[in-house]
N, C-alpha and C. Protein backbone atom coordinates (compact mmCIF):
# COMPACT_ATOMS: atom_id res chain seq x y z
N MET A 1 -7.02 87.65 42.44
CA MET A 1 -7.92 86.72 42.53
C MET A 1 -8.86 86.76 41.53
N LYS A 2 -9.13 85.57 40.91
CA LYS A 2 -10.06 85.42 39.79
C LYS A 2 -11.62 85.46 40.31
N LYS A 3 -12.26 86.40 39.59
CA LYS A 3 -13.72 86.34 40.06
C LYS A 3 -14.50 85.36 39.22
N THR A 4 -15.47 84.66 39.94
CA THR A 4 -16.21 83.67 39.27
C THR A 4 -17.65 84.29 38.91
N TYR A 5 -17.98 83.90 37.80
CA TYR A 5 -19.34 84.54 37.29
C TYR A 5 -20.37 83.25 37.07
N SER A 6 -21.75 83.61 37.29
CA SER A 6 -22.70 82.67 37.15
C SER A 6 -22.83 82.06 35.83
N ILE A 7 -23.31 81.01 35.72
CA ILE A 7 -23.54 80.39 34.30
C ILE A 7 -24.60 81.27 33.58
N ILE A 8 -25.55 81.76 34.24
CA ILE A 8 -26.60 82.56 33.61
C ILE A 8 -25.97 83.86 33.17
N TYR A 9 -25.03 84.50 33.88
CA TYR A 9 -24.36 85.84 33.42
C TYR A 9 -23.49 85.34 32.26
N GLN A 10 -22.80 84.28 32.27
CA GLN A 10 -22.01 83.95 31.10
C GLN A 10 -22.79 83.73 29.76
N GLY A 11 -23.94 82.98 30.00
CA GLY A 11 -24.78 82.78 28.87
C GLY A 11 -25.37 84.10 28.38
N VAL A 12 -25.80 84.93 29.24
CA VAL A 12 -26.26 86.27 28.67
C VAL A 12 -25.16 87.04 28.01
N MET A 13 -23.89 87.03 28.41
CA MET A 13 -22.89 87.84 27.69
C MET A 13 -22.67 87.07 26.34
N ILE A 14 -22.56 85.88 26.11
CA ILE A 14 -22.55 85.24 24.89
C ILE A 14 -23.75 85.54 24.01
N SER A 15 -24.94 85.59 24.61
CA SER A 15 -26.15 85.94 23.90
C SER A 15 -26.11 87.35 23.40
N ILE A 16 -25.63 88.20 24.24
CA ILE A 16 -25.50 89.67 23.73
C ILE A 16 -24.62 89.71 22.58
N VAL A 17 -23.46 89.09 22.54
CA VAL A 17 -22.64 89.12 21.46
C VAL A 17 -23.32 88.63 20.21
N MET A 18 -24.05 87.49 20.33
CA MET A 18 -24.89 87.00 19.17
C MET A 18 -25.96 87.90 18.62
N MET A 19 -26.71 88.58 19.67
CA MET A 19 -27.67 89.45 19.27
C MET A 19 -27.18 90.68 18.47
N ILE A 20 -25.95 91.17 18.85
CA ILE A 20 -25.21 92.17 18.05
C ILE A 20 -24.78 91.71 16.76
N SER A 21 -24.39 90.49 16.60
CA SER A 21 -23.85 90.07 15.41
C SER A 21 -25.19 89.85 14.58
N LYS A 22 -26.37 89.33 15.05
CA LYS A 22 -27.53 89.29 14.33
C LYS A 22 -27.97 90.67 13.59
N PHE A 23 -27.86 91.79 14.52
CA PHE A 23 -28.14 93.16 14.12
C PHE A 23 -27.23 93.55 13.05
N ILE A 24 -25.95 93.33 13.20
CA ILE A 24 -24.95 93.66 12.18
C ILE A 24 -25.21 92.94 10.78
N GLU A 25 -25.56 91.67 10.94
CA GLU A 25 -25.93 90.79 9.72
C GLU A 25 -27.06 91.38 8.97
N ALA A 26 -28.02 91.98 9.68
CA ALA A 26 -29.29 92.62 8.99
C ALA A 26 -28.87 93.95 8.36
N LEU A 27 -27.81 94.64 8.81
CA LEU A 27 -27.44 95.94 8.31
C LEU A 27 -26.46 95.65 7.10
N LEU A 28 -25.81 94.69 7.01
CA LEU A 28 -24.73 94.45 6.03
C LEU A 28 -25.51 94.37 4.64
N PRO A 29 -24.95 94.88 3.52
CA PRO A 29 -25.55 94.88 2.20
C PRO A 29 -25.16 93.48 1.49
N PHE A 30 -24.34 92.61 2.06
CA PHE A 30 -24.04 91.43 1.60
C PHE A 30 -24.27 90.37 2.57
N ALA A 31 -24.28 89.09 2.09
CA ALA A 31 -24.56 87.89 3.01
C ALA A 31 -23.19 87.53 3.80
N MET A 32 -23.43 87.51 5.05
CA MET A 32 -22.48 87.15 5.97
C MET A 32 -22.99 86.44 7.11
N PRO A 33 -22.73 85.18 7.55
CA PRO A 33 -23.42 84.51 8.57
C PRO A 33 -23.09 85.29 10.03
N SER A 34 -24.24 85.37 10.72
CA SER A 34 -24.13 86.07 12.09
C SER A 34 -23.22 85.26 13.01
N SER A 35 -23.12 83.99 12.82
CA SER A 35 -22.23 83.27 13.69
C SER A 35 -20.59 83.62 13.40
N VAL A 36 -20.33 84.01 12.16
CA VAL A 36 -19.03 84.33 11.83
C VAL A 36 -18.67 85.77 12.41
N ILE A 37 -19.75 86.64 12.21
CA ILE A 37 -19.65 87.88 12.80
C ILE A 37 -19.47 87.89 14.33
N GLY A 38 -20.27 87.05 14.87
CA GLY A 38 -20.18 86.75 16.48
C GLY A 38 -18.80 86.33 16.92
N LEU A 39 -18.24 85.31 16.05
CA LEU A 39 -16.96 84.96 16.56
C LEU A 39 -15.91 86.17 16.52
N VAL A 40 -16.03 86.98 15.43
CA VAL A 40 -14.95 88.05 15.23
C VAL A 40 -15.26 89.02 16.38
N LEU A 41 -16.50 89.35 16.64
CA LEU A 41 -16.88 90.36 17.70
C LEU A 41 -16.31 89.84 18.96
N LEU A 42 -16.61 88.47 19.37
CA LEU A 42 -16.15 87.95 20.64
C LEU A 42 -14.59 87.98 20.72
N PHE A 43 -13.86 87.68 19.58
CA PHE A 43 -12.46 87.71 19.48
C PHE A 43 -11.95 89.05 19.85
N ILE A 44 -12.54 90.08 19.25
CA ILE A 44 -12.10 91.48 19.40
C ILE A 44 -12.42 91.84 20.82
N ALA A 45 -13.58 91.52 21.32
CA ALA A 45 -13.94 91.85 22.81
C ALA A 45 -12.99 91.22 23.80
N LEU A 46 -12.50 89.97 23.55
CA LEU A 46 -11.60 89.29 24.40
C LEU A 46 -10.13 89.87 24.26
N CYS A 47 -9.83 90.35 23.03
CA CYS A 47 -8.44 90.78 22.90
C CYS A 47 -8.29 92.32 23.48
N THR A 48 -9.42 92.98 23.49
CA THR A 48 -9.37 94.36 24.00
C THR A 48 -9.78 94.47 25.35
N ASN A 49 -10.14 93.27 25.97
CA ASN A 49 -10.47 93.26 27.36
C ASN A 49 -11.87 93.90 27.64
N ILE A 50 -12.76 94.12 26.58
CA ILE A 50 -14.14 94.49 26.85
C ILE A 50 -14.81 93.31 27.53
N ILE A 51 -14.46 92.14 27.28
CA ILE A 51 -15.04 90.94 27.79
C ILE A 51 -13.81 90.21 28.47
N ARG A 52 -13.71 89.75 29.65
CA ARG A 52 -12.76 89.03 30.12
C ARG A 52 -13.00 87.53 30.08
N LEU A 53 -11.99 86.72 29.82
CA LEU A 53 -12.20 85.27 29.66
C LEU A 53 -13.03 84.69 30.72
N GLU A 54 -12.83 85.20 32.06
CA GLU A 54 -13.63 84.56 33.23
C GLU A 54 -15.12 84.77 32.94
N GLN A 55 -15.54 85.80 32.24
CA GLN A 55 -16.91 86.17 31.98
C GLN A 55 -17.60 85.20 31.06
N ILE A 56 -16.95 84.32 30.32
CA ILE A 56 -17.52 83.41 29.49
C ILE A 56 -17.07 82.13 29.41
N GLU A 57 -15.95 81.89 30.33
CA GLU A 57 -15.08 80.64 30.19
C GLU A 57 -15.89 79.38 30.57
N THR A 58 -16.81 79.28 31.36
CA THR A 58 -17.49 78.08 31.69
C THR A 58 -18.43 77.73 30.69
N VAL A 59 -19.27 78.67 30.36
CA VAL A 59 -20.30 78.34 29.17
C VAL A 59 -19.51 78.06 27.91
N GLY A 60 -18.55 78.83 27.54
CA GLY A 60 -17.75 78.57 26.31
C GLY A 60 -17.12 77.16 26.23
N ASN A 61 -16.59 76.65 27.49
CA ASN A 61 -16.04 75.31 27.49
C ASN A 61 -17.15 74.27 27.34
N ALA A 62 -18.31 74.55 27.99
CA ALA A 62 -19.49 73.62 27.88
C ALA A 62 -19.95 73.51 26.41
N LEU A 63 -19.89 74.60 25.68
CA LEU A 63 -20.34 74.72 24.24
C LEU A 63 -19.35 73.88 23.38
N VAL A 64 -18.12 74.08 23.70
CA VAL A 64 -17.05 73.40 22.91
C VAL A 64 -17.06 71.86 23.27
N ASP A 65 -17.22 71.46 24.37
CA ASP A 65 -17.31 70.14 24.84
C ASP A 65 -18.56 69.51 24.13
N ASN A 66 -19.46 70.09 23.78
CA ASN A 66 -20.69 69.38 23.21
C ASN A 66 -20.93 69.90 21.85
N ILE A 67 -19.74 70.19 20.99
CA ILE A 67 -19.92 70.72 19.73
C ILE A 67 -20.46 69.77 18.85
N GLY A 68 -20.18 68.50 19.09
CA GLY A 68 -20.86 67.40 18.16
C GLY A 68 -22.37 67.47 17.96
N LEU A 69 -23.06 68.02 19.08
CA LEU A 69 -24.48 68.08 18.93
C LEU A 69 -24.87 69.22 17.90
N PHE A 70 -24.00 70.14 17.70
CA PHE A 70 -24.36 71.24 16.86
C PHE A 70 -24.31 70.84 15.31
N PHE A 71 -23.60 69.63 15.09
CA PHE A 71 -23.52 69.24 13.73
C PHE A 71 -24.63 68.20 13.40
N VAL A 72 -25.48 67.92 14.28
CA VAL A 72 -26.54 66.90 14.01
C VAL A 72 -27.55 67.55 13.05
N PRO A 73 -28.06 68.78 13.21
CA PRO A 73 -28.88 69.43 12.16
C PRO A 73 -28.29 69.41 10.75
N ALA A 74 -27.09 69.65 10.60
CA ALA A 74 -26.34 69.69 9.44
C ALA A 74 -26.40 68.23 8.68
N GLY A 75 -26.19 67.21 9.53
CA GLY A 75 -26.08 65.94 9.14
C GLY A 75 -27.52 65.47 8.58
N ILE A 76 -28.56 65.78 9.30
CA ILE A 76 -29.88 65.53 9.05
C ILE A 76 -30.33 66.16 7.76
N SER A 77 -29.97 67.37 7.53
CA SER A 77 -30.23 68.22 6.33
C SER A 77 -29.51 67.57 5.15
N ALA A 78 -28.26 67.04 5.30
CA ALA A 78 -27.68 66.33 4.26
C ALA A 78 -28.41 65.05 3.91
N ILE A 79 -28.92 64.30 4.87
CA ILE A 79 -29.60 63.09 4.60
C ILE A 79 -30.89 63.41 3.95
N ASN A 80 -31.59 64.51 4.31
CA ASN A 80 -32.77 64.89 3.65
C ASN A 80 -32.75 65.24 2.18
N SER A 81 -31.48 65.73 1.80
CA SER A 81 -31.06 66.12 0.39
C SER A 81 -30.34 65.09 -0.27
N LEU A 82 -30.43 63.76 0.11
CA LEU A 82 -29.77 62.73 -0.45
C LEU A 82 -30.13 62.52 -1.94
N ASP A 83 -31.26 62.74 -2.29
CA ASP A 83 -31.74 62.57 -3.64
C ASP A 83 -30.99 63.59 -4.59
N LEU A 84 -30.94 64.81 -4.11
CA LEU A 84 -30.09 65.91 -4.75
C LEU A 84 -28.74 65.56 -4.91
N LEU A 85 -28.08 65.04 -3.88
CA LEU A 85 -26.82 64.66 -3.94
C LEU A 85 -26.37 63.52 -4.81
N LYS A 86 -27.41 62.44 -4.86
CA LYS A 86 -27.27 61.45 -5.82
C LYS A 86 -27.35 61.79 -7.23
N GLY A 87 -28.19 62.78 -7.54
CA GLY A 87 -28.05 63.33 -8.95
C GLY A 87 -26.81 63.86 -9.40
N HIS A 88 -26.08 64.42 -8.51
CA HIS A 88 -24.94 65.23 -8.81
C HIS A 88 -23.69 64.49 -7.98
N PHE A 89 -23.61 63.20 -7.97
CA PHE A 89 -22.62 62.52 -7.17
C PHE A 89 -21.16 62.83 -7.57
N LEU A 90 -20.92 62.81 -8.89
CA LEU A 90 -19.50 63.10 -9.23
C LEU A 90 -19.05 64.59 -9.02
N LEU A 91 -20.17 65.42 -9.30
CA LEU A 91 -19.91 66.96 -9.02
C LEU A 91 -19.64 67.10 -7.52
N THR A 92 -20.43 66.39 -6.67
CA THR A 92 -20.20 66.66 -5.19
C THR A 92 -18.87 66.07 -4.67
N ILE A 93 -18.42 64.87 -5.26
CA ILE A 93 -17.16 64.26 -4.92
C ILE A 93 -16.10 65.26 -5.30
N ALA A 94 -16.24 65.89 -6.51
CA ALA A 94 -15.19 66.73 -7.13
C ALA A 94 -15.03 68.02 -6.18
N LEU A 95 -16.24 68.51 -5.80
CA LEU A 95 -16.26 69.66 -5.08
C LEU A 95 -15.53 69.40 -3.69
N ILE A 96 -15.91 68.21 -2.93
CA ILE A 96 -15.24 67.92 -1.82
C ILE A 96 -13.74 67.77 -1.93
N PHE A 97 -13.32 67.07 -2.92
CA PHE A 97 -11.90 66.96 -3.22
C PHE A 97 -11.15 68.27 -3.34
N PHE A 98 -11.64 69.07 -4.27
CA PHE A 98 -10.94 70.34 -4.68
C PHE A 98 -11.04 71.41 -3.64
N SER A 99 -12.08 71.41 -2.90
CA SER A 99 -12.19 72.28 -1.70
C SER A 99 -11.28 71.92 -0.54
N THR A 100 -11.09 70.56 -0.29
CA THR A 100 -10.20 70.03 0.62
C THR A 100 -8.75 70.40 0.18
N LEU A 101 -8.41 70.26 -1.00
CA LEU A 101 -7.14 70.43 -1.60
C LEU A 101 -6.85 71.85 -1.50
N PHE A 102 -7.74 72.80 -1.85
CA PHE A 102 -7.60 74.31 -1.74
C PHE A 102 -7.34 74.59 -0.35
N LEU A 103 -8.11 74.12 0.61
CA LEU A 103 -7.83 74.48 2.03
C LEU A 103 -6.45 73.94 2.58
N LEU A 104 -6.16 72.79 2.24
CA LEU A 104 -4.71 72.30 2.70
C LEU A 104 -3.57 73.14 2.00
N VAL A 105 -3.73 73.44 0.79
CA VAL A 105 -2.66 74.16 0.14
C VAL A 105 -2.58 75.64 0.79
N GLY A 106 -3.79 76.22 0.91
CA GLY A 106 -3.81 77.56 1.40
C GLY A 106 -3.36 77.67 2.88
N THR A 107 -3.70 76.67 3.72
CA THR A 107 -3.23 76.59 5.03
C THR A 107 -1.66 76.46 5.02
N GLY A 108 -1.10 75.55 4.19
CA GLY A 108 0.31 75.37 4.05
C GLY A 108 0.98 76.58 3.77
N TRP A 109 0.45 77.29 2.66
CA TRP A 109 1.10 78.47 2.16
C TRP A 109 1.09 79.54 3.29
N MET A 110 0.00 79.72 3.93
CA MET A 110 -0.10 80.72 5.01
C MET A 110 0.83 80.45 6.12
N ALA A 111 0.94 79.16 6.50
CA ALA A 111 1.79 78.88 7.62
C ALA A 111 3.31 79.04 7.11
N GLN A 112 3.77 78.73 5.95
CA GLN A 112 5.00 79.13 5.51
C GLN A 112 5.34 80.63 5.25
N LEU A 113 4.36 81.43 4.95
CA LEU A 113 4.36 82.76 4.92
C LEU A 113 4.70 83.19 6.43
N LEU A 114 3.76 82.88 7.31
CA LEU A 114 3.88 83.40 8.74
C LEU A 114 5.33 82.93 9.43
N LEU A 115 5.69 81.71 8.94
CA LEU A 115 6.97 81.28 9.66
C LEU A 115 8.07 82.02 9.01
N GLY A 116 8.00 82.37 7.68
CA GLY A 116 9.08 83.06 7.02
C GLY A 116 9.19 84.43 7.62
N ILE A 117 8.09 85.01 7.80
CA ILE A 117 8.15 86.36 8.45
C ILE A 117 8.81 86.33 9.85
N GLY A 118 8.55 85.30 10.64
CA GLY A 118 9.10 85.25 11.92
C GLY A 118 10.63 84.93 11.83
N HIS A 119 11.07 84.24 10.89
CA HIS A 119 12.47 83.93 10.56
C HIS A 119 13.08 85.19 10.26
N LYS A 120 12.59 86.08 9.31
CA LYS A 120 13.09 87.31 8.91
C LYS A 120 13.52 88.23 10.11
N LYS A 121 12.35 88.20 11.11
CA LYS A 121 12.66 89.03 12.14
C LYS A 121 13.66 88.66 12.97
N VAL A 122 13.86 87.29 13.24
CA VAL A 122 15.01 86.83 13.83
C VAL A 122 16.33 87.16 13.34
N ALA A 123 16.34 87.02 11.98
CA ALA A 123 17.61 87.36 11.29
C ALA A 123 17.92 88.84 11.49
N LYS A 124 16.91 89.70 11.42
CA LYS A 124 17.20 91.20 11.48
C LYS A 124 17.71 91.52 12.95
N LYS A 125 17.19 90.87 13.99
CA LYS A 125 17.69 90.91 15.29
C LYS A 125 19.20 90.57 15.49
N SER A 126 19.51 89.43 14.72
CA SER A 126 20.86 89.00 14.86
C SER A 126 21.85 89.87 14.20
N THR A 127 21.35 90.59 13.04
CA THR A 127 22.34 91.61 12.50
C THR A 127 22.63 92.80 13.25
N ALA A 128 21.80 93.00 14.28
CA ALA A 128 21.97 94.22 15.16
C ALA A 128 23.21 93.96 15.96
N PHE A 129 23.67 92.94 16.17
CA PHE A 129 24.88 92.58 16.91
C PHE A 129 25.79 91.77 15.97
N PRO A 130 26.67 92.41 15.23
CA PRO A 130 27.49 91.62 14.26
C PRO A 130 28.27 90.63 14.78
N LYS A 131 28.90 90.77 15.86
CA LYS A 131 29.78 89.80 16.57
C LYS A 131 28.90 88.52 16.81
N LEU A 132 27.69 88.76 17.49
CA LEU A 132 26.87 87.62 17.84
C LEU A 132 26.41 86.96 16.53
N ALA A 133 26.15 87.70 15.61
CA ALA A 133 25.71 86.98 14.24
C ALA A 133 26.99 86.13 13.62
N THR A 134 28.12 86.61 13.83
CA THR A 134 29.25 85.80 13.24
C THR A 134 29.53 84.56 14.02
N ILE A 135 29.31 84.64 15.41
CA ILE A 135 29.40 83.56 16.27
C ILE A 135 28.50 82.55 15.94
N LYS A 136 27.16 82.90 15.62
CA LYS A 136 26.06 81.96 15.30
C LYS A 136 26.34 81.39 14.03
N LYS A 137 26.81 82.08 12.89
CA LYS A 137 27.13 81.54 11.69
C LYS A 137 28.33 80.51 11.78
N SER A 138 29.30 80.85 12.58
CA SER A 138 30.51 79.87 12.67
C SER A 138 30.10 78.58 13.49
N THR A 139 29.16 78.79 14.51
CA THR A 139 28.60 77.67 15.21
C THR A 139 27.77 76.71 14.32
N ALA A 140 26.94 77.38 13.46
CA ALA A 140 26.06 76.61 12.54
C ALA A 140 26.94 75.81 11.48
N ASN A 141 28.10 76.63 11.06
CA ASN A 141 28.89 75.83 10.11
C ASN A 141 29.67 74.55 10.72
N GLU A 142 29.93 74.75 12.04
CA GLU A 142 30.61 73.75 12.71
C GLU A 142 29.76 72.42 12.91
N VAL A 143 28.52 72.70 13.07
CA VAL A 143 27.49 71.71 13.36
C VAL A 143 27.20 70.81 11.91
N ARG A 144 27.41 71.52 10.78
CA ARG A 144 27.18 70.79 9.54
C ARG A 144 28.41 70.04 9.29
């Protein structure tokens, strides 16, 4: 049976993770956003069952459902910096273009790398049973 937790409890759990990430951010000798540290800490806590999903699920879903509100301050900041952006318009456009291109290429490369690793694992498993590998190869050749 799944235990239900109050919204206050779930909010406190997420707040504790964020406070720990703020503390770690202050200790680090280099700049790292506390939100990124908090996401990594929450991921580790969920994977190791230190925090169970039920303990933060309702508040987490509410935060994700309203994520658009969290981008409002960034949009207002960009509008306030419009004069700076106008002064470097071509540089800003080039930066957006190349960073997007870099992100797409990097994501595609990583996906191919991970899919290739999964394909190699399947190939190794099929060589463990030579007759089965021969049957698979002959079936694949018949399909072509």
